Amino acid sequence: METIVNGTDLLNIGYKQTEVLGQALKLANSKYNDQPKEEVLALFKKVKDYPENFLDDEVLEPLASAMIEEANAPVVETIPLKETAEVYTVYGESHIEQGAKDQMDVAMRLPVTVAGALMPDAHQGYGLPIGGVLATKNAIIPYGVGVDIGCRMALSVYDIPEEHFLLNEAKYKRELVAHTKFGAGHGYHGQYKAGHEVLDRNEFNIAPFIKKLHDKAWSQLGTSGGGNHFVEFGIIEFDKRDEVLGIDKGRYVALLTHSGSRGFGATIAGHYTKLAKDITKLPKEAANLAYLDLNSQAGQEYWIAMNLAGDYASACHQVIHDKMKKALGAEVLAKVENHHNFAWKEILNGEEVIVHRKGATPAGKGVMGIIPGSMTAPGFLVRGKGETEAINSASHGAGRQMSRTQAIKNITKADMRQMLKDHGVSLIGAGRDEAPMAYKDIEAVMASQTDLVDVVAKFTPKLVRMADDGSRED
């Protein structure tokens, strides 16, 4: 009768759940299966206790060597999380999936965490959830900032009445197609490349890999990425005069853009995320929240590179808005811009902290921001109230209620076309993964953050361009 040794038998004599356990099991049940089980286990206990005595054994030498190597392997010590998560405020909790809350719970247990908040458009991401706001003490988390560093909104309000757009939509469409470019890896070449002072910044020299990205940054200047990035014309309505902006009550044509730092920012994010993971070993559930000490060389490098990527993202918007202003021959009554996917040094409860806003809009007292809905839902020009519980933040949009895969599976092209028609929106590009139905109700999201922002004006999309899914651009 064959002797069968199982994993529990080996664990009972001191083996651990490692690769050595599997090696020992295989050996015990192939080479010693004709011997009594007690004798086999006694032998394997000796090998475990004194592996050096079996280095000359023809059969057991590989197991003994593996044990010695395992014992001498450097111990990778993980930094423990706090046993109890810091308390944080959730806005619009009923709209937020459990996965996002679970991710925030982990983030609140980091040893460097000071405070946090979850915005009503939150959904699950990598590391920090989208819509997560996290304040840390002298530490920066690359994945707490996100891959698309400095992704932002920019709004130009023109001195053009609504009627002009309605009578000349074909012209607006021509200009939109002529002066925008979308999609991963896409850029301008030769005489079509734009210039901007950000390209002359010395920060491009802080690291060789960043310097090598200069040409790509130049070619992609003034372009927009894929996914949910867009350039759109719409009508913005002020229901009363805004004294700060100096705009009278009325309905005006406006340009709204959403995009980030393109391949330049994504490469920076990838490089420093890997570096943070190599330096800061966290438990598995928190691995994507690896951080860099701001007093370290790596932390300082990332901080400089992040700010450069944020300014580059802003420059991309500026190029688009300048082109469109010139093409339309319009005057800009007001320009408002805000970013998310970024980190700021701010004072919170009397101490300096690093505030990460991954998909959250800065909303300090009096700070202007733009919170978009979807391609058929309104967006809002807002002014922050400076709510400390929200760490001076608000949502950055409606937030997804369907993943891209779910949207493609559940939404038909006919459904999407009908919704666009019902809302009087013309669309260039975009796939079903960006269909309006994939997003939460922006009105419900805004209702959940009345303590965080005041609405200044309402923007209604009319002509939207996104990354092409094969749709024609004529």
Protein backbone atom coordinates (compact mmCIF):
# COMPACT_ATOMS: atom_id res chain seq x y z
CA MET A 1 0.00 0.00 0.00
CA GLU A 2 1.38 3.42 -1.01
CA THR A 3 2.16 5.99 1.65
CA ILE A 4 0.50 9.36 0.99
CA VAL A 5 1.96 12.42 2.69
CA ASN A 6 -0.19 15.56 2.50
CA GLY A 7 0.47 19.24 3.11
CA THR A 8 -1.06 19.16 6.59
CA ASP A 9 1.37 16.41 7.61
CA LEU A 10 4.33 18.59 6.62
CA LEU A 11 2.87 21.72 8.22
CA ASN A 12 2.46 19.75 11.47
CA ILE A 13 6.19 18.99 11.58
CA GLY A 14 7.20 22.61 10.99
CA TYR A 15 7.14 23.24 7.24
CA LYS A 16 5.68 26.56 6.07
CA GLN A 17 3.42 27.51 3.17
CA THR A 18 6.25 28.21 0.72
CA GLU A 19 7.55 26.70 -2.51
CA VAL A 20 9.69 24.34 -0.39
CA LEU A 21 6.50 22.71 0.92
CA GLY A 22 5.43 21.76 -2.60
CA GLN A 23 8.91 20.45 -3.40
CA ALA A 24 8.92 18.32 -0.23
CA LEU A 25 5.46 16.91 -0.96
CA LYS A 26 6.43 15.88 -4.47
CA LEU A 27 9.61 14.22 -3.22
CA ALA A 28 7.92 12.40 -0.32
CA ASN A 29 5.20 10.92 -2.54
CA SER A 30 7.48 9.91 -5.40
CA LYS A 31 10.66 8.62 -3.76
CA TYR A 32 9.45 7.43 -0.34
CA ASN A 33 5.92 6.21 -1.01
CA ASP A 34 6.86 2.60 -0.25
CA GLN A 35 7.99 3.39 3.32
CA PRO A 36 5.91 3.79 6.50
CA LYS A 37 4.46 7.28 6.83
CA GLU A 38 5.93 7.82 10.34
CA GLU A 39 9.44 7.10 9.04
CA VAL A 40 9.01 9.40 6.04
CA LEU A 41 7.81 12.28 8.24
CA ALA A 42 10.65 11.70 10.71
CA LEU A 43 13.14 11.89 7.84
CA PHE A 44 11.61 15.05 6.40
CA LYS A 45 11.63 16.68 9.85
CA LYS A 46 15.37 16.03 10.06
CA VAL A 47 15.84 17.60 6.64
CA LYS A 48 13.90 20.64 7.81
CA ASP A 49 15.84 20.97 11.06
CA TYR A 50 19.32 20.18 9.68
CA PRO A 51 19.32 20.72 5.90
CA GLU A 52 23.11 21.13 5.82
CA ASN A 53 23.46 17.44 6.79
CA PHE A 54 21.72 16.37 3.56
CA LEU A 55 23.72 18.32 0.96
CA ASP A 56 25.48 15.10 -0.04
CA ASP A 57 22.29 13.03 -0.23
CA GLU A 58 21.57 12.01 -3.81
CA VAL A 59 17.78 12.33 -3.42
CA LEU A 60 17.34 15.00 -0.75
CA GLU A 61 20.09 17.44 -1.80
CA PRO A 62 17.81 19.63 -4.00
CA LEU A 63 15.30 20.00 -1.13
CA ALA A 64 18.06 20.74 1.40
CA SER A 65 19.62 23.34 -0.90
CA ALA A 66 16.23 25.00 -1.45
CA MET A 67 15.71 25.19 2.31
CA ILE A 68 19.10 26.81 2.88
CA GLU A 69 18.49 29.32 0.08
CA GLU A 70 15.08 30.13 1.50
CA ALA A 71 16.52 30.63 4.99
CA ASN A 72 19.24 32.94 3.66
CA ALA A 73 16.95 34.96 1.37
CA PRO A 74 16.72 38.61 2.38
CA VAL A 75 13.64 39.29 4.45
CA VAL A 76 11.35 41.83 2.82
CA GLU A 77 9.68 43.62 5.67
CA THR A 78 6.41 45.32 4.87
CA ILE A 79 5.40 48.55 6.56
CA PRO A 80 2.34 47.75 8.69
CA LEU A 81 -0.89 49.64 8.23
CA LYS A 82 -2.69 51.29 11.13
CA GLU A 83 -4.99 48.82 12.87
CA THR A 84 -7.88 51.27 12.71
CA ALA A 85 -8.70 53.48 9.74
CA GLU A 86 -8.84 57.24 10.20
CA VAL A 87 -12.41 58.53 10.12
CA TYR A 88 -13.42 60.21 6.85
CA THR A 89 -16.56 61.79 5.40
CA VAL A 90 -18.46 60.26 2.47
CA TYR A 91 -20.64 62.49 0.30
CA GLY A 92 -23.50 60.89 -1.63
CA GLU A 93 -22.83 57.50 -0.09
CA SER A 94 -25.86 55.89 -1.73
CA HIS A 95 -24.34 56.57 -5.17
CA ILE A 96 -20.98 54.93 -4.39
CA GLU A 97 -20.05 51.28 -4.99
CA GLN A 98 -18.61 49.23 -2.13
CA GLY A 99 -15.31 48.68 -3.93
CA ALA A 100 -14.53 52.41 -3.81
CA LYS A 101 -15.31 52.53 -0.08
CA ASP A 102 -13.11 49.49 0.54
CA GLN A 103 -10.21 51.15 -1.27
CA MET A 104 -10.69 54.33 0.75
CA ASP A 105 -10.74 52.32 3.97
CA VAL A 106 -7.31 50.90 3.12
CA ALA A 107 -5.95 54.34 2.20
CA MET A 108 -7.10 55.69 5.57
CA ARG A 109 -4.90 53.08 7.32
CA LEU A 110 -1.62 54.20 5.75
CA PRO A 111 0.90 55.31 8.37
CA VAL A 112 1.25 58.68 6.60
CA THR A 113 -2.50 59.40 6.31
CA VAL A 114 -3.81 62.47 8.13
CA ALA A 115 -7.33 62.87 6.69
CA GLY A 116 -9.55 61.82 3.79
CA ALA A 117 -12.89 62.29 2.08
CA LEU A 118 -14.87 60.51 -0.63
CA MET A 119 -16.73 62.53 -3.27
CA PRO A 120 -20.21 61.61 -4.59
CA ASP A 121 -18.90 60.62 -8.06
CA ALA A 122 -16.49 58.08 -6.54
CA HIS A 123 -15.88 54.69 -8.11
CA GLN A 124 -13.21 52.02 -7.88
CA GLY A 125 -9.77 52.72 -9.35
CA TYR A 126 -6.19 51.66 -8.72
CA GLY A 127 -4.82 52.47 -5.29
CA LEU A 128 -6.89 55.48 -4.30
CA PRO A 129 -10.45 55.32 -5.68
CA ILE A 130 -11.51 57.82 -8.34
CA GLY A 131 -13.16 60.58 -6.32
CA GLY A 132 -10.89 59.95 -3.34
CA VAL A 133 -9.21 62.82 -1.50
CA LEU A 134 -6.32 61.94 0.80
CA ALA A 135 -4.16 64.20 2.97
CA THR A 136 -0.78 62.78 4.00
CA LYS A 137 2.12 63.96 6.13
CA ASN A 138 5.20 64.74 4.00
CA ALA A 139 4.54 61.84 1.61
CA ILE A 140 3.44 61.69 -2.01
CA ILE A 141 1.59 58.69 -3.52
CA PRO A 142 2.03 58.45 -7.33
CA TYR A 143 -1.08 56.27 -7.69
CA GLY A 144 -2.89 58.68 -5.35
CA VAL A 145 -2.33 61.27 -8.05
CA GLY A 146 -3.15 58.90 -10.89
CA VAL A 147 -1.78 57.98 -14.29
CA ASP A 148 -3.10 61.03 -16.15
CA ILE A 149 -1.25 63.65 -14.09
CA GLY A 150 -2.86 67.07 -14.06
CA CYS A 151 -5.95 66.01 -15.99
CA ARG A 152 -8.13 69.10 -16.03
CA MET A 153 -11.12 71.05 -17.20
CA ALA A 154 -10.91 74.38 -19.02
CA LEU A 155 -13.82 76.64 -19.96
CA SER A 156 -13.85 79.70 -22.22
CA VAL A 157 -17.02 81.80 -22.18
CA TYR A 158 -17.32 83.82 -25.43
CA ASP A 159 -19.07 87.09 -26.17
CA ILE A 160 -21.24 85.13 -28.61
CA PRO A 161 -24.99 84.74 -28.03
CA GLU A 162 -26.66 81.32 -28.23
CA GLU A 163 -28.43 82.23 -31.50
CA HIS A 164 -25.13 82.49 -33.37
CA PHE A 165 -24.29 78.87 -32.58
CA LEU A 166 -27.76 77.64 -33.57
CA LEU A 167 -27.50 79.41 -36.95
CA ASN A 168 -23.88 78.43 -37.65
CA GLU A 169 -23.43 74.94 -36.19
CA ALA A 170 -21.69 73.70 -39.36
CA LYS A 171 -18.97 76.34 -38.94
CA TYR A 172 -18.41 75.37 -35.30
CA LYS A 173 -18.13 71.73 -36.33
CA ARG A 174 -15.53 72.55 -39.01
CA GLU A 175 -13.43 74.50 -36.54
CA LEU A 176 -13.72 71.77 -33.91
CA VAL A 177 -12.45 69.13 -36.33
CA ALA A 178 -9.74 71.40 -37.74
CA HIS A 179 -8.20 72.41 -34.42
CA THR A 180 -8.36 69.28 -32.28
CA LYS A 181 -6.69 65.89 -32.38
CA PHE A 182 -7.57 62.86 -30.26
CA GLY A 183 -6.43 59.40 -29.30
CA ALA A 184 -3.62 57.50 -27.61
CA GLY A 185 -0.25 58.22 -29.18
CA HIS A 186 -1.59 60.81 -31.60
CA GLY A 187 0.26 64.09 -32.06
CA TYR A 188 1.21 66.85 -34.49
CA HIS A 189 4.24 66.85 -36.76
CA GLY A 190 6.35 69.37 -38.66
CA GLN A 191 4.77 72.77 -39.27
CA TYR A 192 1.61 71.79 -37.38
CA LYS A 193 3.40 71.44 -34.03
CA ALA A 194 2.50 74.18 -31.57
CA GLY A 195 4.91 76.00 -29.32
CA HIS A 196 4.63 76.93 -25.66
CA GLU A 197 7.03 78.21 -23.01
CA VAL A 198 6.45 75.07 -20.92
CA LEU A 199 8.65 73.18 -23.41
CA ASP A 200 11.59 75.43 -22.47
CA ARG A 201 11.42 74.55 -18.77
CA ASN A 202 14.62 73.33 -17.14
CA GLU A 203 12.69 70.63 -15.25
CA PHE A 204 12.86 68.47 -18.39
CA ASN A 205 16.50 67.88 -17.37
CA ILE A 206 15.87 66.48 -13.88
CA ALA A 207 16.11 62.88 -15.10
CA PRO A 208 17.33 61.29 -18.37
CA PHE A 209 14.05 59.49 -19.04
CA ILE A 210 12.10 62.78 -18.72
CA LYS A 211 14.49 64.54 -21.08
CA LYS A 212 13.88 61.79 -23.65
CA LEU A 213 10.13 62.53 -23.47
CA HIS A 214 10.58 66.13 -24.65
CA ASP A 215 9.96 65.41 -28.34
CA LYS A 216 6.83 63.38 -27.58
CA ALA A 217 5.56 66.17 -25.32
CA TRP A 218 6.14 68.68 -28.11
CA SER A 219 4.30 66.59 -30.72
CA GLN A 220 1.32 66.00 -28.40
CA LEU A 221 1.05 69.61 -27.22
CA GLY A 222 -2.49 70.84 -27.90
CA THR A 223 -3.95 67.35 -28.36
CA SER A 224 -6.42 65.34 -26.27
CA GLY A 225 -6.28 61.73 -25.17
CA GLY A 226 -8.75 58.89 -25.48
CA GLY A 227 -11.34 57.61 -23.01
CA ASN A 228 -13.49 60.33 -21.48
CA HIS A 229 -11.45 63.28 -22.78
CA PHE A 230 -13.35 65.74 -24.94
CA VAL A 231 -13.53 69.15 -26.58
CA GLU A 232 -17.06 70.50 -26.89
CA PHE A 233 -19.07 73.58 -27.69
CA GLY A 234 -22.13 74.28 -25.63
CA ILE A 235 -24.36 76.94 -24.19
CA ILE A 236 -23.62 78.30 -20.73
CA GLU A 237 -26.40 80.03 -18.84
CA PHE A 238 -25.94 82.57 -16.05
CA ASP A 239 -29.28 83.11 -14.33
CA LYS A 240 -27.94 86.29 -12.71
CA ARG A 241 -24.94 88.56 -13.11
CA ASP A 242 -21.74 87.17 -11.60
CA GLU A 243 -19.82 90.10 -10.13
CA VAL A 244 -16.55 88.18 -9.70
CA LEU A 245 -16.37 87.12 -13.35
CA GLY A 246 -18.09 90.28 -14.55
CA ILE A 247 -20.59 88.39 -16.72
CA ASP A 248 -24.20 89.51 -17.10
CA LYS A 249 -27.22 87.25 -16.91
CA GLY A 250 -27.70 85.45 -20.23
CA ARG A 251 -26.88 82.47 -22.46
CA TYR A 252 -23.48 82.42 -24.14
CA VAL A 253 -21.51 80.10 -26.42
CA ALA A 254 -18.69 78.40 -24.51
CA LEU A 255 -15.88 75.93 -25.17
CA LEU A 256 -15.23 73.19 -22.61
CA THR A 257 -12.19 70.88 -22.74
CA HIS A 258 -11.15 67.87 -20.67
CA SER A 259 -7.78 66.15 -21.00
CA GLY A 260 -4.46 65.74 -19.23
CA SER A 261 -0.72 65.36 -19.69
CA ARG A 262 -0.88 62.70 -22.40
CA GLY A 263 1.95 60.16 -22.81
CA PHE A 264 4.35 62.48 -20.99
CA GLY A 265 2.42 62.32 -17.72
CA ALA A 266 1.61 58.63 -18.07
CA THR A 267 5.30 57.72 -18.40
CA ILE A 268 6.19 59.79 -15.33
CA ALA A 269 3.39 58.10 -13.36
CA GLY A 270 4.54 54.61 -14.35
CA HIS A 271 8.20 55.28 -13.52
CA TYR A 272 7.64 56.73 -10.07
CA THR A 273 4.91 54.28 -9.12
CA LYS A 274 7.37 51.43 -9.71
CA LEU A 275 10.03 53.30 -7.75
CA ALA A 276 7.63 53.89 -4.85
CA LYS A 277 6.72 50.20 -4.78
CA ASP A 278 10.40 49.25 -4.69
CA ILE A 279 11.12 51.66 -1.84
CA THR A 280 7.95 51.43 0.26
CA LYS A 281 6.85 47.85 0.81
CA LEU A 282 3.23 47.81 1.92
CA PRO A 283 0.86 44.88 2.54
CA LYS A 284 -0.71 43.43 -0.60
CA GLU A 285 -4.03 45.26 -0.20
CA ALA A 286 -2.21 48.59 -0.03
CA ALA A 287 0.57 47.93 -2.58
CA ASN A 288 -0.77 50.46 -5.10
CA LEU A 289 -0.64 53.16 -2.43
CA ALA A 290 3.16 53.01 -2.14
CA TYR A 291 4.48 56.45 -1.27
CA LEU A 292 7.65 58.50 -1.51
CA ASP A 293 9.01 60.62 1.33
CA LEU A 294 9.11 64.22 0.14
CA ASN A 295 12.49 64.63 1.84
CA SER A 296 13.98 61.90 -0.35
CA GLN A 297 15.57 62.40 -3.76
CA ALA A 298 12.89 60.24 -5.41
CA GLY A 299 10.13 62.18 -3.66
CA GLN A 300 11.55 65.53 -4.73
CA GLU A 301 12.04 64.30 -8.30
CA TYR A 302 8.45 63.10 -8.55
CA TRP A 303 7.12 66.34 -7.05
CA ILE A 304 9.00 68.39 -9.67
CA ALA A 305 8.00 66.04 -12.51
CA MET A 306 4.35 66.01 -11.39
CA ASN A 307 4.19 69.80 -11.37
CA LEU A 308 5.82 69.94 -14.80
CA ALA A 309 3.26 67.45 -16.15
CA GLY A 310 0.45 69.52 -14.62
CA ASP A 311 1.72 72.69 -16.29
CA TYR A 312 2.11 70.78 -19.55
CA ALA A 313 -1.52 69.63 -19.33
CA SER A 314 -2.57 73.24 -18.81
CA ALA A 315 -0.52 74.27 -21.86
CA CYS A 316 -2.33 71.67 -23.98
CA HIS A 317 -5.65 73.29 -23.08
CA GLN A 318 -4.27 76.78 -23.70
CA VAL A 319 -3.18 75.84 -27.22
CA ILE A 320 -6.66 74.48 -28.05
CA HIS A 321 -8.47 77.48 -26.55
CA ASP A 322 -6.16 79.97 -28.29
CA LYS A 323 -6.70 78.26 -31.65
CA MET A 324 -10.46 78.26 -31.20
CA LYS A 325 -10.62 81.89 -30.10
CA LYS A 326 -8.69 82.92 -33.20
CA ALA A 327 -10.78 80.72 -35.50
CA LEU A 328 -14.05 82.14 -34.17
CA GLY A 329 -12.83 85.72 -33.94
CA ALA A 330 -14.37 85.87 -30.49
CA GLU A 331 -13.60 87.68 -27.28
CA VAL A 332 -13.32 85.59 -24.13
CA LEU A 333 -15.45 87.00 -21.33
CA ALA A 334 -14.03 84.58 -18.78
CA LYS A 335 -11.67 81.60 -18.68
CA VAL A 336 -11.88 79.12 -15.82
CA GLU A 337 -9.59 76.14 -15.37
CA ASN A 338 -9.12 73.52 -12.67
CA HIS A 339 -7.30 70.24 -12.42
CA HIS A 340 -7.68 66.91 -10.67
CA ASN A 341 -5.30 63.91 -10.56
CA PHE A 342 -2.79 66.02 -8.71
CA ALA A 343 -1.32 66.74 -5.27
CA TRP A 344 -1.01 70.08 -3.51
CA LYS A 345 0.74 71.36 -0.39
CA GLU A 346 -2.05 72.83 1.74
CA ILE A 347 -2.71 73.77 5.36
CA LEU A 348 -5.29 71.56 7.06
CA ASN A 349 -6.18 72.08 10.72
CA GLY A 350 -3.05 74.16 11.21
CA GLU A 351 -0.50 71.80 9.67
CA GLU A 352 0.98 71.42 6.20
CA VAL A 353 -0.23 68.30 4.41
CA ILE A 354 -0.03 66.84 0.92
CA VAL A 355 -3.56 66.70 -0.48
CA HIS A 356 -4.09 64.11 -3.23
CA ARG A 357 -7.20 64.68 -5.37
CA LYS A 358 -7.61 61.70 -7.65
CA GLY A 359 -10.65 62.67 -9.68
CA ALA A 360 -11.74 65.47 -7.34
CA THR A 361 -12.07 69.21 -7.92
CA PRO A 362 -10.33 71.77 -5.68
CA ALA A 363 -13.12 73.66 -3.88
CA GLY A 364 -11.46 76.00 -1.41
CA LYS A 365 -13.48 79.07 -0.44
CA GLY A 366 -14.01 81.18 -3.57
CA VAL A 367 -12.10 78.79 -5.84
CA MET A 368 -13.71 78.36 -9.27
CA GLY A 369 -14.14 74.94 -10.86
CA ILE A 370 -16.01 73.05 -13.57
CA ILE A 371 -17.92 69.82 -12.89
CA PRO A 372 -19.07 68.17 -16.15
CA GLY A 373 -21.91 65.69 -16.53
CA SER A 374 -21.80 63.57 -19.69
CA MET A 375 -22.08 64.26 -23.41
CA THR A 376 -25.83 64.83 -22.98
CA ALA A 377 -25.99 65.94 -19.34
CA PRO A 378 -25.23 69.46 -18.15
CA GLY A 379 -22.02 70.55 -16.51
CA PHE A 380 -21.70 73.21 -13.82
CA LEU A 381 -19.46 76.18 -13.26
CA VAL A 382 -19.03 76.27 -9.49
CA ARG A 383 -17.44 78.28 -6.71
CA GLY A 384 -16.02 76.40 -3.72
CA LYS A 385 -17.25 76.87 -0.16
CA GLY A 386 -14.06 75.67 1.54
CA GLU A 387 -15.55 72.74 3.48
CA THR A 388 -12.87 71.28 5.78
CA GLU A 389 -14.63 67.90 6.13
CA ALA A 390 -14.29 67.51 2.35
CA ILE A 391 -10.67 68.75 2.49
CA ASN A 392 -11.74 71.72 0.32
CA SER A 393 -12.83 69.43 -2.51
CA ALA A 394 -15.82 68.46 -4.65
CA SER A 395 -16.60 65.86 -7.33
CA HIS A 396 -14.85 66.07 -10.70
CA GLY A 397 -17.86 64.93 -12.71
CA ALA A 398 -20.83 62.60 -12.61
CA GLY A 399 -18.70 59.47 -12.18
CA ARG A 400 -19.16 56.14 -13.90
CA GLN A 401 -21.96 53.77 -12.92
CA MET A 402 -20.90 51.20 -15.54
CA SER A 403 -17.41 50.01 -16.35
CA ARG A 404 -16.32 50.39 -19.97
CA THR A 405 -16.83 46.67 -20.53
CA GLN A 406 -20.33 46.76 -19.01
CA ALA A 407 -21.26 49.79 -21.12
CA ILE A 408 -20.19 48.13 -24.38
CA LYS A 409 -22.07 44.97 -23.40
CA ASN A 410 -25.31 46.65 -22.30
CA ILE A 411 -25.68 49.79 -24.44
CA THR A 412 -26.53 49.57 -28.14
CA LYS A 413 -25.47 52.09 -30.79
CA ALA A 414 -29.16 52.72 -31.46
CA ASP A 415 -29.79 53.57 -27.79
CA MET A 416 -26.85 55.96 -27.81
CA ARG A 417 -27.92 57.65 -31.05
CA GLN A 418 -31.45 58.12 -29.74
CA MET A 419 -30.27 59.74 -26.52
CA LEU A 420 -28.02 62.14 -28.45
CA LYS A 421 -30.94 63.04 -30.72
CA ASP A 422 -33.29 63.55 -27.76
CA HIS A 423 -30.84 66.04 -26.24
CA GLY A 424 -29.94 67.80 -29.48
CA VAL A 425 -26.26 66.87 -29.26
CA SER A 426 -24.00 66.25 -32.28
CA LEU A 427 -21.18 63.80 -31.59
CA ILE A 428 -17.89 63.30 -33.41
CA GLY A 429 -16.12 60.10 -32.38
CA ALA A 430 -16.58 58.27 -29.05
CA GLY A 431 -17.66 54.69 -28.48
CA ARG A 432 -20.42 53.11 -26.41
CA ASP A 433 -18.05 52.96 -23.42
CA GLU A 434 -18.57 56.73 -23.15
CA ALA A 435 -22.35 56.63 -23.67
CA PRO A 436 -24.30 58.96 -21.35
CA MET A 437 -26.03 55.97 -19.74
CA ALA A 438 -22.65 54.74 -18.43
CA TYR A 439 -22.54 57.71 -16.06
CA LYS A 440 -24.33 58.58 -12.83
CA ASP A 441 -27.05 61.22 -12.69
CA ILE A 442 -25.15 64.52 -12.43
CA GLU A 443 -28.16 66.20 -10.78
CA ALA A 444 -28.08 63.63 -7.96
CA VAL A 445 -24.31 64.07 -7.61
CA MET A 446 -24.67 67.86 -7.39
CA ALA A 447 -27.47 67.50 -4.83
CA SER A 448 -25.05 65.53 -2.64
CA GLN A 449 -22.50 68.33 -2.51
CA THR A 450 -24.47 71.50 -1.88
CA ASP A 451 -22.31 71.99 1.23
CA LEU A 452 -19.18 71.96 -0.92
CA VAL A 453 -19.91 74.29 -3.86
CA ASP A 454 -22.26 77.00 -5.12
CA VAL A 455 -23.44 76.75 -8.73
CA VAL A 456 -22.55 79.87 -10.74
CA ALA A 457 -23.73 78.77 -14.21
CA LYS A 458 -25.01 75.74 -16.10
CA PHE A 459 -23.31 74.43 -19.26
CA THR A 460 -25.32 72.40 -21.81
CA PRO A 461 -23.27 70.42 -24.38
CA LYS A 462 -24.25 70.84 -28.05
CA LEU A 463 -21.32 69.69 -30.20
CA VAL A 464 -18.97 67.08 -28.72
CA ARG A 465 -15.75 65.60 -30.03
CA MET A 466 -14.01 62.62 -28.42
CA ALA A 467 -11.46 60.01 -29.46
CA ASP A 468 -12.59 58.43 -32.72
CA ASP A 469 -14.20 54.99 -32.69
CA GLY A 470 -14.41 54.88 -36.47
CA SER A 471 -17.03 57.62 -36.74
CA ARG A 472 -16.45 59.93 -39.67
CA GLU A 473 -15.32 63.48 -38.99
CA ASP A 474 -17.06 65.22 -41.90
